[in-house]
Amino acid sequence: MQDIHAQLRFLSISAQKVRLVVDLVRGRNANEALDMLRFETKGPAMPVRKLLASAVANAEENFGVSRDDLYVAQIYANEAPTRKWRRFGARGRFKPVLRRSSHVTVVLRERES
């Protein structure tokens, strides 16, 4: 039994927001997870769905595993580099703006029957 990995790097959404979506699909069947993400209204749902679809396609194409046997073994979002910007504030000061980004990793496994 091998693990099928897929990564999404430098997603321009904060890891905190991505974790809200990622926690919904952890441990679920791959088909069920894709259906859940299709109807999720949060912003990170579409990039996470594309990543999961890519991982399922990798499993089918490269390893010959049926998509019905796959489940999301691990999925997590880590922080990526933060872009630091400055805005002008009152009295000639600078106000920092942090543009956060994230790395998302998904690991699929074949369910044992």
N, C-alpha and C. Protein backbone atom coordinates (compact mmCIF):
# COMPACT_ATOMS: atom_id res chain seq x y z
N MET A 1 0.86 -1.18 0.00
CA MET A 1 0.00 0.00 0.00
C MET A 1 0.89 1.23 0.00
N GLN A 2 0.75 2.05 -1.03
CA GLN A 2 1.59 3.24 -1.11
C GLN A 2 0.75 4.49 -0.91
N ASP A 3 1.44 5.55 -0.55
CA ASP A 3 0.79 6.85 -0.36
C ASP A 3 0.89 7.64 -1.65
N ILE A 4 -0.18 8.35 -1.99
CA ILE A 4 -0.19 9.22 -3.16
C ILE A 4 -0.19 10.65 -2.65
N HIS A 5 0.86 11.40 -3.00
CA HIS A 5 1.04 12.76 -2.50
C HIS A 5 0.72 13.76 -3.60
N ALA A 6 0.22 14.93 -3.18
CA ALA A 6 0.09 16.08 -4.07
C ALA A 6 0.26 17.33 -3.22
N GLN A 7 0.92 18.33 -3.78
CA GLN A 7 1.19 19.57 -3.05
C GLN A 7 0.70 20.77 -3.83
N LEU A 8 0.21 21.74 -3.09
CA LEU A 8 -0.13 23.04 -3.63
C LEU A 8 0.70 24.04 -2.86
N ARG A 9 1.62 24.72 -3.54
CA ARG A 9 2.54 25.60 -2.84
C ARG A 9 2.25 27.05 -3.19
N PHE A 10 2.49 27.93 -2.22
CA PHE A 10 2.35 29.37 -2.37
C PHE A 10 0.93 29.78 -2.74
N LEU A 11 -0.06 29.15 -2.11
CA LEU A 11 -1.45 29.56 -2.27
C LEU A 11 -1.63 30.88 -1.52
N SER A 12 -2.19 31.88 -2.19
CA SER A 12 -2.24 33.22 -1.61
C SER A 12 -3.45 33.41 -0.70
N ILE A 13 -3.70 32.41 0.14
CA ILE A 13 -4.73 32.48 1.18
C ILE A 13 -4.05 32.02 2.47
N SER A 14 -4.38 32.64 3.58
CA SER A 14 -3.69 32.31 4.82
C SER A 14 -3.98 30.87 5.23
N ALA A 15 -3.01 30.25 5.90
CA ALA A 15 -3.14 28.87 6.33
C ALA A 15 -4.29 28.70 7.30
N GLN A 16 -4.56 29.71 8.10
CA GLN A 16 -5.66 29.65 9.06
C GLN A 16 -7.00 29.47 8.35
N LYS A 17 -7.19 30.17 7.24
CA LYS A 17 -8.45 30.05 6.49
C LYS A 17 -8.52 28.73 5.73
N VAL A 18 -7.39 28.27 5.22
CA VAL A 18 -7.37 27.01 4.48
C VAL A 18 -7.66 25.83 5.41
N ARG A 19 -7.19 25.91 6.66
CA ARG A 19 -7.41 24.81 7.61
C ARG A 19 -8.88 24.59 7.89
N LEU A 20 -9.70 25.65 7.82
CA LEU A 20 -11.14 25.49 8.03
C LEU A 20 -11.76 24.56 6.99
N VAL A 21 -11.27 24.64 5.75
CA VAL A 21 -11.79 23.79 4.67
C VAL A 21 -11.16 22.41 4.72
N VAL A 22 -9.87 22.37 5.00
CA VAL A 22 -9.12 21.11 5.01
C VAL A 22 -9.65 20.16 6.08
N ASP A 23 -10.06 20.71 7.23
CA ASP A 23 -10.55 19.88 8.32
C ASP A 23 -11.85 19.17 7.97
N LEU A 24 -12.60 19.69 6.99
CA LEU A 24 -13.87 19.08 6.61
C LEU A 24 -13.68 17.74 5.90
N VAL A 25 -12.59 17.58 5.14
CA VAL A 25 -12.44 16.41 4.28
C VAL A 25 -11.46 15.37 4.80
N ARG A 26 -10.80 15.65 5.90
CA ARG A 26 -9.79 14.71 6.42
C ARG A 26 -10.46 13.39 6.82
N GLY A 27 -9.94 12.26 6.32
CA GLY A 27 -10.45 10.95 6.67
C GLY A 27 -11.61 10.46 5.82
N ARG A 28 -12.10 11.27 4.90
CA ARG A 28 -13.26 10.89 4.08
C ARG A 28 -12.82 10.19 2.80
N ASN A 29 -13.76 9.51 2.15
CA ASN A 29 -13.50 8.94 0.83
C ASN A 29 -13.20 10.06 -0.15
N ALA A 30 -12.40 9.78 -1.16
CA ALA A 30 -11.99 10.81 -2.11
C ALA A 30 -13.18 11.38 -2.87
N ASN A 31 -14.08 10.52 -3.32
CA ASN A 31 -15.25 11.00 -4.07
C ASN A 31 -16.16 11.86 -3.20
N GLU A 32 -16.35 11.43 -1.97
CA GLU A 32 -17.18 12.19 -1.02
C GLU A 32 -16.55 13.55 -0.72
N ALA A 33 -15.23 13.58 -0.57
CA ALA A 33 -14.53 14.83 -0.29
C ALA A 33 -14.65 15.81 -1.47
N LEU A 34 -14.51 15.29 -2.68
CA LEU A 34 -14.65 16.15 -3.87
C LEU A 34 -16.05 16.73 -3.95
N ASP A 35 -17.07 15.92 -3.65
CA ASP A 35 -18.45 16.42 -3.68
C ASP A 35 -18.68 17.47 -2.60
N MET A 36 -18.12 17.26 -1.42
CA MET A 36 -18.27 18.25 -0.34
C MET A 36 -17.64 19.58 -0.72
N LEU A 37 -16.45 19.52 -1.32
CA LEU A 37 -15.75 20.76 -1.67
C LEU A 37 -16.42 21.49 -2.82
N ARG A 38 -17.12 20.76 -3.68
CA ARG A 38 -17.80 21.39 -4.81
C ARG A 38 -18.86 22.38 -4.31
N PHE A 39 -19.52 22.05 -3.20
CA PHE A 39 -20.62 22.88 -2.70
C PHE A 39 -20.23 23.74 -1.50
N GLU A 40 -18.97 23.71 -1.13
CA GLU A 40 -18.51 24.55 -0.03
C GLU A 40 -18.36 25.99 -0.53
N THR A 41 -18.80 26.98 0.27
CA THR A 41 -18.81 28.37 -0.18
C THR A 41 -17.56 29.15 0.24
N LYS A 42 -16.73 28.59 1.08
CA LYS A 42 -15.54 29.31 1.51
C LYS A 42 -14.54 29.43 0.35
N GLY A 43 -13.76 30.48 0.37
CA GLY A 43 -12.82 30.77 -0.71
C GLY A 43 -11.79 29.69 -1.00
N PRO A 44 -11.15 29.12 0.03
CA PRO A 44 -10.12 28.11 -0.23
C PRO A 44 -10.66 26.79 -0.76
N ALA A 45 -11.96 26.60 -0.83
CA ALA A 45 -12.52 25.31 -1.23
C ALA A 45 -12.14 24.95 -2.67
N MET A 46 -12.15 25.91 -3.58
CA MET A 46 -11.85 25.60 -4.98
C MET A 46 -10.39 25.16 -5.18
N PRO A 47 -9.38 25.90 -4.66
CA PRO A 47 -8.01 25.41 -4.83
C PRO A 47 -7.76 24.06 -4.16
N VAL A 48 -8.36 23.82 -2.99
CA VAL A 48 -8.19 22.54 -2.31
C VAL A 48 -8.85 21.43 -3.12
N ARG A 49 -10.00 21.71 -3.72
CA ARG A 49 -10.69 20.72 -4.55
C ARG A 49 -9.84 20.36 -5.78
N LYS A 50 -9.23 21.37 -6.40
CA LYS A 50 -8.38 21.11 -7.55
C LYS A 50 -7.17 20.25 -7.16
N LEU A 51 -6.61 20.52 -5.99
CA LEU A 51 -5.48 19.73 -5.50
C LEU A 51 -5.89 18.29 -5.26
N LEU A 52 -7.05 18.10 -4.64
CA LEU A 52 -7.54 16.75 -4.36
C LEU A 52 -7.85 16.00 -5.65
N ALA A 53 -8.43 16.69 -6.63
CA ALA A 53 -8.72 16.08 -7.93
C ALA A 53 -7.42 15.67 -8.63
N SER A 54 -6.39 16.49 -8.48
CA SER A 54 -5.09 16.18 -9.07
C SER A 54 -4.49 14.93 -8.42
N ALA A 55 -4.61 14.83 -7.09
CA ALA A 55 -4.08 13.67 -6.39
C ALA A 55 -4.81 12.40 -6.81
N VAL A 56 -6.13 12.48 -7.00
CA VAL A 56 -6.91 11.32 -7.44
C VAL A 56 -6.50 10.92 -8.85
N ALA A 57 -6.30 11.91 -9.73
CA ALA A 57 -5.87 11.62 -11.10
C ALA A 57 -4.48 10.98 -11.10
N ASN A 58 -3.58 11.45 -10.23
CA ASN A 58 -2.25 10.85 -10.11
C ASN A 58 -2.35 9.38 -9.70
N ALA A 59 -3.24 9.10 -8.76
CA ALA A 59 -3.40 7.73 -8.27
C ALA A 59 -3.91 6.82 -9.38
N GLU A 60 -4.88 7.30 -10.15
CA GLU A 60 -5.44 6.48 -11.22
C GLU A 60 -4.43 6.27 -12.35
N GLU A 61 -3.75 7.33 -12.74
CA GLU A 61 -2.87 7.27 -13.90
C GLU A 61 -1.54 6.58 -13.59
N ASN A 62 -0.92 6.95 -12.47
CA ASN A 62 0.44 6.47 -12.19
C ASN A 62 0.47 5.15 -11.44
N PHE A 63 -0.54 4.91 -10.59
CA PHE A 63 -0.51 3.72 -9.75
C PHE A 63 -1.62 2.72 -10.07
N GLY A 64 -2.56 3.08 -10.95
CA GLY A 64 -3.63 2.18 -11.34
C GLY A 64 -4.61 1.86 -10.23
N VAL A 65 -4.83 2.80 -9.34
CA VAL A 65 -5.73 2.61 -8.20
C VAL A 65 -7.11 3.17 -8.57
N SER A 66 -8.16 2.46 -8.22
CA SER A 66 -9.52 2.95 -8.47
C SER A 66 -9.85 4.10 -7.54
N ARG A 67 -10.55 5.10 -8.05
CA ARG A 67 -10.87 6.26 -7.23
C ARG A 67 -11.87 5.93 -6.13
N ASP A 68 -12.60 4.83 -6.28
CA ASP A 68 -13.57 4.43 -5.26
C ASP A 68 -12.89 3.85 -4.02
N ASP A 69 -11.65 3.39 -4.16
CA ASP A 69 -10.92 2.79 -3.04
C ASP A 69 -10.08 3.79 -2.27
N LEU A 70 -10.01 5.04 -2.73
CA LEU A 70 -9.12 6.03 -2.12
C LEU A 70 -9.82 6.78 -1.00
N TYR A 71 -9.02 7.15 0.00
CA TYR A 71 -9.52 8.05 1.05
C TYR A 71 -8.41 9.03 1.41
N VAL A 72 -8.79 10.14 2.02
CA VAL A 72 -7.85 11.19 2.39
C VAL A 72 -7.21 10.80 3.73
N ALA A 73 -6.00 10.29 3.66
CA ALA A 73 -5.31 9.85 4.87
C ALA A 73 -4.79 11.04 5.66
N GLN A 74 -4.17 11.97 4.97
CA GLN A 74 -3.65 13.18 5.61
C GLN A 74 -3.90 14.35 4.68
N ILE A 75 -4.23 15.49 5.28
CA ILE A 75 -4.30 16.74 4.52
C ILE A 75 -4.03 17.86 5.51
N TYR A 76 -3.11 18.72 5.16
CA TYR A 76 -2.75 19.79 6.09
C TYR A 76 -2.29 21.03 5.33
N ALA A 77 -2.39 22.17 6.00
CA ALA A 77 -1.99 23.46 5.44
C ALA A 77 -0.96 24.08 6.36
N ASN A 78 0.21 24.37 5.83
CA ASN A 78 1.28 25.02 6.58
C ASN A 78 1.46 26.43 6.08
N GLU A 79 2.10 27.25 6.90
CA GLU A 79 2.35 28.63 6.50
C GLU A 79 3.46 28.68 5.47
N ALA A 80 3.30 29.59 4.52
CA ALA A 80 4.30 29.85 3.49
C ALA A 80 4.86 31.26 3.77
N PRO A 81 5.79 31.74 2.98
CA PRO A 81 6.34 33.07 3.23
C PRO A 81 5.26 34.16 3.20
N THR A 82 5.43 35.13 4.08
CA THR A 82 4.51 36.25 4.18
C THR A 82 5.10 37.45 3.47
N ARG A 83 4.33 38.04 2.56
CA ARG A 83 4.77 39.26 1.90
C ARG A 83 4.42 40.43 2.79
N LYS A 84 5.38 41.30 3.04
CA LYS A 84 5.16 42.42 3.93
C LYS A 84 5.07 43.71 3.11
N TRP A 85 3.93 44.38 3.24
CA TRP A 85 3.69 45.64 2.55
C TRP A 85 3.52 46.73 3.58
N ARG A 86 3.58 47.99 3.10
CA ARG A 86 3.35 49.12 4.01
C ARG A 86 2.30 50.03 3.41
N ARG A 87 1.46 50.53 4.28
CA ARG A 87 0.47 51.54 3.89
C ARG A 87 0.76 52.80 4.68
N PHE A 88 0.45 53.93 4.11
CA PHE A 88 0.61 55.17 4.84
C PHE A 88 -0.49 55.30 5.88
N GLY A 89 -0.10 55.68 7.09
CA GLY A 89 -1.06 55.86 8.17
C GLY A 89 -1.11 57.32 8.57
N ALA A 90 -1.79 57.57 9.64
CA ALA A 90 -1.92 58.93 10.14
C ALA A 90 -0.59 59.45 10.67
N ARG A 91 -0.40 60.74 10.62
CA ARG A 91 0.79 61.44 11.16
C ARG A 91 2.08 60.95 10.52
N GLY A 92 2.04 60.60 9.24
CA GLY A 92 3.26 60.22 8.53
C GLY A 92 3.82 58.87 8.89
N ARG A 93 3.02 58.03 9.51
CA ARG A 93 3.51 56.71 9.91
C ARG A 93 3.20 55.68 8.84
N PHE A 94 3.88 54.55 8.95
CA PHE A 94 3.60 53.41 8.08
C PHE A 94 2.79 52.39 8.86
N LYS A 95 1.82 51.79 8.20
CA LYS A 95 1.04 50.70 8.78
C LYS A 95 1.40 49.43 8.03
N PRO A 96 1.85 48.38 8.73
CA PRO A 96 2.23 47.15 8.04
C PRO A 96 1.00 46.38 7.55
N VAL A 97 1.13 45.77 6.36
CA VAL A 97 0.11 44.88 5.81
C VAL A 97 0.80 43.56 5.54
N LEU A 98 0.28 42.49 6.14
CA LEU A 98 0.88 41.17 5.97
C LEU A 98 0.01 40.36 5.01
N ARG A 99 0.58 39.99 3.87
CA ARG A 99 -0.13 39.16 2.89
C ARG A 99 0.34 37.73 3.09
N ARG A 100 -0.47 36.96 3.78
CA ARG A 100 -0.06 35.61 4.15
C ARG A 100 -0.38 34.62 3.03
N SER A 101 0.41 33.55 2.98
CA SER A 101 0.18 32.50 1.99
C SER A 101 0.40 31.15 2.69
N SER A 102 0.10 30.07 1.95
CA SER A 102 0.15 28.74 2.58
C SER A 102 0.58 27.67 1.59
N HIS A 103 1.07 26.57 2.14
CA HIS A 103 1.37 25.35 1.39
C HIS A 103 0.37 24.29 1.85
N VAL A 104 -0.30 23.63 0.90
CA VAL A 104 -1.27 22.59 1.23
C VAL A 104 -0.75 21.26 0.70
N THR A 105 -0.81 20.22 1.52
CA THR A 105 -0.36 18.88 1.13
C THR A 105 -1.48 17.89 1.40
N VAL A 106 -1.70 16.99 0.44
CA VAL A 106 -2.71 15.94 0.59
C VAL A 106 -2.03 14.60 0.35
N VAL A 107 -2.40 13.61 1.18
CA VAL A 107 -1.89 12.24 1.06
C VAL A 107 -3.10 11.32 0.97
N LEU A 108 -3.20 10.58 -0.13
CA LEU A 108 -4.29 9.62 -0.32
C LEU A 108 -3.76 8.20 -0.10
N ARG A 109 -4.61 7.34 0.41
CA ARG A 109 -4.26 5.93 0.58
C ARG A 109 -5.39 5.07 0.03
N GLU A 110 -5.02 3.85 -0.33
CA GLU A 110 -6.01 2.90 -0.82
C GLU A 110 -6.62 2.19 0.39
N ARG A 111 -7.93 2.13 0.43
CA ARG A 111 -8.62 1.50 1.55
C ARG A 111 -8.48 -0.02 1.45
N GLU A 112 -8.15 -0.63 2.58
CA GLU A 112 -7.97 -2.09 2.62
C GLU A 112 -9.33 -2.76 2.69
N SER A 113 -9.52 -3.77 1.85
CA SER A 113 -10.84 -4.43 1.85
C SER A 113 -10.78 -5.81 2.47
